[in-house]
């Protein structure tokens, strides 16, 4: 099994509140089909969120590129 490992330490920090804004916007986009659960990690170019497919109760992840 592959592990993502710890977040990169050399990545610039995201502006305060940006990752929460992205999570809320992602939930708005995917609607009721998926439940965005939490931020898994952030790198220099993207954030990864743990999610769950509601109909199949299947875990998955969304990668969102930073603006």
C-alpha atoms as a PDB file:
ATOM      1  CA  UNK A   1       0.000   0.000   0.000  1.00  0.00           C
ATOM      2  CA  UNK A   2       1.312   3.452  -0.909  1.00  0.00           C
ATOM      3  CA  UNK A   3       1.504   6.192   1.682  1.00  0.00           C
ATOM      4  CA  UNK A   4       1.350   9.882   0.899  1.00  0.00           C
ATOM      5  CA  UNK A   5       3.754  10.707   3.719  1.00  0.00           C
ATOM      6  CA  UNK A   6       3.938  13.978   5.580  1.00  0.00           C
ATOM      7  CA  UNK A   7       3.124  17.287   3.866  1.00  0.00           C
ATOM      8  CA  UNK A   8       6.035  19.044   2.167  1.00  0.00           C
ATOM      9  CA  UNK A   9       7.818  21.404   4.505  1.00  0.00           C
ATOM     10  CA  UNK A  10       9.106  23.668   1.715  1.00  0.00           C
ATOM     11  CA  UNK A  11       5.640  24.535   0.412  1.00  0.00           C
ATOM     12  CA  UNK A  12       4.542  28.096   1.077  1.00  0.00           C
ATOM     13  CA  UNK A  13       1.683  28.287   3.559  1.00  0.00           C
ATOM     14  CA  UNK A  14      -1.778  28.778   2.121  1.00  0.00           C
ATOM     15  CA  UNK A  15      -3.429  32.085   3.020  1.00  0.00           C
ATOM     16  CA  UNK A  16      -5.451  31.905   6.236  1.00  0.00           C
ATOM     17  CA  UNK A  17      -8.835  30.304   5.638  1.00  0.00           C
ATOM     18  CA  UNK A  18      -8.147  29.360   2.028  1.00  0.00           C
ATOM     19  CA  UNK A  19      -8.276  25.592   2.600  1.00  0.00           C
ATOM     20  CA  UNK A  20     -11.633  25.919   4.393  1.00  0.00           C
ATOM     21  CA  UNK A  21     -12.984  28.093   1.584  1.00  0.00           C
ATOM     22  CA  UNK A  22     -11.861  25.453  -0.917  1.00  0.00           C
ATOM     23  CA  UNK A  23     -13.527  22.699   1.137  1.00  0.00           C
ATOM     24  CA  UNK A  24     -16.826  24.591   1.228  1.00  0.00           C
ATOM     25  CA  UNK A  25     -16.670  25.345  -2.505  1.00  0.00           C
ATOM     26  CA  UNK A  26     -15.820  21.725  -3.303  1.00  0.00           C
ATOM     27  CA  UNK A  27     -18.832  20.548  -1.260  1.00  0.00           C
ATOM     28  CA  UNK A  28     -20.998  22.994  -3.193  1.00  0.00           C
ATOM     29  CA  UNK A  29     -19.714  21.679  -6.535  1.00  0.00           C
ATOM     30  CA  UNK A  30     -20.074  17.945  -5.789  1.00  0.00           C
ATOM     31  CA  UNK A  31     -23.492  18.407  -4.157  1.00  0.00           C
ATOM     32  CA  UNK A  32     -25.134  15.589  -2.236  1.00  0.00           C
ATOM     33  CA  UNK A  33     -23.329  12.753  -4.038  1.00  0.00           C
ATOM     34  CA  UNK A  34     -20.169  13.142  -1.954  1.00  0.00           C
ATOM     35  CA  UNK A  35     -19.443  14.257   1.595  1.00  0.00           C
ATOM     36  CA  UNK A  36     -16.202  16.205   1.984  1.00  0.00           C
ATOM     37  CA  UNK A  37     -14.863  15.091   5.361  1.00  0.00           C
ATOM     38  CA  UNK A  38     -11.522  16.790   6.000  1.00  0.00           C
ATOM     39  CA  UNK A  39      -8.284  18.190   4.629  1.00  0.00           C
ATOM     40  CA  UNK A  40      -5.725  15.411   4.220  1.00  0.00           C
ATOM     41  CA  UNK A  41      -2.776  17.469   3.060  1.00  0.00           C
ATOM     42  CA  UNK A  42      -1.568  20.537   1.246  1.00  0.00           C
ATOM     43  CA  UNK A  43       1.332  21.016  -1.080  1.00  0.00           C
ATOM     44  CA  UNK A  44       2.647  23.897  -3.100  1.00  0.00           C
ATOM     45  CA  UNK A  45       0.039  23.504  -5.847  1.00  0.00           C
ATOM     46  CA  UNK A  46      -2.942  21.616  -4.426  1.00  0.00           C
ATOM     47  CA  UNK A  47      -4.978  20.500  -1.425  1.00  0.00           C
ATOM     48  CA  UNK A  48      -6.261  16.945  -0.948  1.00  0.00           C
ATOM     49  CA  UNK A  49      -9.545  16.305   0.842  1.00  0.00           C
ATOM     50  CA  UNK A  50     -10.872  13.008   2.187  1.00  0.00           C
ATOM     51  CA  UNK A  51     -14.421  12.377   1.054  1.00  0.00           C
ATOM     52  CA  UNK A  52     -17.081   9.684   1.001  1.00  0.00           C
ATOM     53  CA  UNK A  53     -19.364   8.673  -1.866  1.00  0.00           C
ATOM     54  CA  UNK A  54     -22.757   8.758  -0.152  1.00  0.00           C
ATOM     55  CA  UNK A  55     -24.620   6.187  -2.290  1.00  0.00           C
ATOM     56  CA  UNK A  56     -21.939   3.474  -2.065  1.00  0.00           C
ATOM     57  CA  UNK A  57     -20.392   4.450   1.311  1.00  0.00           C
ATOM     58  CA  UNK A  58     -17.016   4.385  -0.431  1.00  0.00           C
ATOM     59  CA  UNK A  59     -14.049   6.495   0.724  1.00  0.00           C
ATOM     60  CA  UNK A  60     -12.192   8.561  -1.848  1.00  0.00           C
ATOM     61  CA  UNK A  61     -10.124  11.725  -2.159  1.00  0.00           C
ATOM     62  CA  UNK A  62     -10.382  14.932  -4.160  1.00  0.00           C
ATOM     63  CA  UNK A  63      -7.334  16.915  -5.231  1.00  0.00           C
ATOM     64  CA  UNK A  64      -8.023  20.604  -5.756  1.00  0.00           C
ATOM     65  CA  UNK A  65      -5.477  22.860  -7.466  1.00  0.00           C
ATOM     66  CA  UNK A  66      -4.826  26.085  -5.573  1.00  0.00           C
ATOM     67  CA  UNK A  67      -5.902  29.297  -7.308  1.00  0.00           C
END
